[in-house]
Amino acid sequence: MEPKYVKRIGLVKKRKDLSYEQFVDHWLNKHAELCKKLPNMRRYSVNLVQRDQVEAFGYEGFSELFFDSLEVMQASLSSPEGKTLLADLPNFVDSINPLVVHDYLMLAEK
C-alpha cells in the first residue's frame, strides 16, 4: 500500500497575549487565506482542540497541509507564498511544532 499524500501537521500554541477568540479569528480569517494560496497543495484543514482539552494536549490546535510528495511540499513552503505564510505565524502563535507524515487513506467519504 502506498501513501496517498505527504502531510505536514503543525501543532500550534497560541500567543499568550491573545485571547482565544483573537487567536481563532486570526487563524481562520487571515492565516488560512494565506495558506490557501500555497502552490500545489491538495488539501488544507484547521483543527481546533476543544478548550477543556488544551491543557492536557498542550496545543490549541493543529493544521494539516496535504501534498503529493515531500519535494512538492518543500517547494511550496519555499515559494513566495510559503514565505509569506510562515512570516505570519508570529502574529498569532507562540510556537508551532511541525510533523511530516505519510497519509494512508483507509476510508473515504461515500
Protein backbone atom coordinates (compact mmCIF):
# COMPACT_ATOMS: atom_id res chain seq x y z
CA MET A 1 0.00 0.00 0.00
CA GLU A 2 1.27 3.44 -0.93
CA PRO A 3 0.53 6.63 1.00
CA LYS A 4 -1.98 8.95 -0.66
CA TYR A 5 -0.25 12.15 0.48
CA VAL A 6 2.62 13.62 2.39
CA LYS A 7 1.05 15.67 5.13
CA ARG A 8 2.54 18.47 7.22
CA ILE A 9 0.87 18.74 10.60
CA GLY A 10 1.57 21.91 12.56
CA LEU A 11 0.90 21.67 16.31
CA VAL A 12 0.10 25.23 17.40
CA LYS A 13 0.30 27.09 20.73
CA LYS A 14 -1.44 30.44 20.67
CA ARG A 15 0.28 33.66 21.57
CA LYS A 16 -0.15 34.22 25.30
CA ASP A 17 -1.13 37.86 24.86
CA LEU A 18 -4.07 36.99 22.58
CA SER A 19 -7.47 35.84 23.74
CA TYR A 20 -8.64 32.50 22.41
CA GLU A 21 -11.15 34.35 20.23
CA GLN A 22 -8.44 36.62 18.75
CA PHE A 23 -6.24 33.58 18.06
CA VAL A 24 -9.06 31.70 16.30
CA ASP A 25 -10.10 34.79 14.32
CA HIS A 26 -6.58 35.36 13.01
CA TRP A 27 -6.03 31.69 12.14
CA LEU A 28 -9.34 31.15 10.37
CA ASN A 29 -9.72 34.54 8.67
CA LYS A 30 -6.18 35.74 7.93
CA HIS A 31 -3.65 32.91 8.14
CA ALA A 32 -5.91 30.36 6.44
CA GLU A 33 -6.39 32.71 3.49
CA LEU A 34 -2.60 32.91 3.10
CA CYS A 35 -2.26 29.15 3.39
CA LYS A 36 -4.86 28.52 0.67
CA LYS A 37 -2.53 30.34 -1.75
CA LEU A 38 0.28 27.77 -1.39
CA PRO A 39 1.11 26.29 -4.79
CA ASN A 40 0.36 22.61 -5.39
CA MET A 41 -1.26 21.98 -2.02
CA ARG A 42 -4.01 19.36 -2.35
CA ARG A 43 -5.94 19.91 0.85
CA TYR A 44 -5.82 22.09 3.96
CA SER A 45 -7.56 21.69 7.32
CA VAL A 46 -7.51 23.63 10.57
CA ASN A 47 -8.34 21.62 13.69
CA LEU A 48 -9.26 23.47 16.88
CA VAL A 49 -8.88 21.46 20.07
CA GLN A 50 -11.81 21.59 22.49
CA ARG A 51 -10.90 24.21 25.05
CA ASP A 52 -11.26 21.81 28.00
CA GLN A 53 -8.65 19.53 26.41
CA VAL A 54 -5.99 22.13 25.59
CA GLU A 55 -4.14 21.82 28.90
CA ALA A 56 -3.80 18.02 28.65
CA PHE A 57 -2.92 18.09 24.93
CA GLY A 58 -0.65 21.13 25.16
CA TYR A 59 -1.81 22.81 21.95
CA GLU A 60 -4.82 24.90 20.95
CA GLY A 61 -4.96 23.33 17.52
CA PHE A 62 -3.19 21.86 14.56
CA SER A 63 -3.13 22.34 10.82
CA GLU A 64 -2.94 19.69 8.11
CA LEU A 65 -1.41 20.51 4.72
CA PHE A 66 -1.53 17.77 2.09
CA PHE A 67 0.92 17.42 -0.80
CA ASP A 68 1.75 14.79 -3.42
CA SER A 69 5.35 14.40 -2.23
CA LEU A 70 7.96 15.71 0.16
CA GLU A 71 9.62 17.58 -2.70
CA VAL A 72 6.36 19.31 -3.66
CA MET A 73 5.78 20.27 -0.02
CA GLN A 74 9.28 21.72 0.34
CA ALA A 75 8.95 23.69 -2.90
CA SER A 76 5.55 25.02 -1.83
CA LEU A 77 6.80 26.21 1.56
CA SER A 78 9.89 27.77 -0.08
CA SER A 79 7.78 29.69 -2.60
CA PRO A 80 6.97 33.40 -2.13
CA GLU A 81 3.52 32.37 -0.87
CA GLY A 82 5.11 29.94 1.58
CA LYS A 83 7.47 32.60 2.89
CA THR A 84 4.55 34.99 3.41
CA LEU A 85 2.63 32.26 5.22
CA LEU A 86 5.50 31.41 7.56
CA ALA A 87 6.15 35.10 8.25
CA ASP A 88 2.57 35.43 9.52
CA LEU A 89 2.96 32.80 12.26
CA PRO A 90 4.29 35.20 14.96
CA ASN A 91 1.11 37.24 14.54
CA PHE A 92 -0.95 34.58 16.35
CA VAL A 93 1.23 31.73 17.68
CA ASP A 94 3.98 31.41 20.28
CA SER A 95 5.17 28.15 18.74
CA ILE A 96 4.42 25.66 16.03
CA ASN A 97 5.81 22.14 16.03
CA PRO A 98 5.69 20.62 12.56
CA LEU A 99 5.43 16.92 11.84
CA VAL A 100 5.74 15.42 8.37
CA VAL A 101 3.79 12.20 7.98
CA HIS A 102 2.67 9.85 5.23
CA ASP A 103 -1.11 9.77 4.96
CA TYR A 104 -2.68 6.38 4.26
CA LEU A 105 -6.35 6.84 3.34
CA MET A 106 -8.26 3.92 4.84
CA LEU A 107 -11.83 5.13 4.35
CA ALA A 108 -13.09 7.82 2.00
CA GLU A 109 -16.42 9.62 2.06
CA LYS A 110 -19.14 7.72 0.26
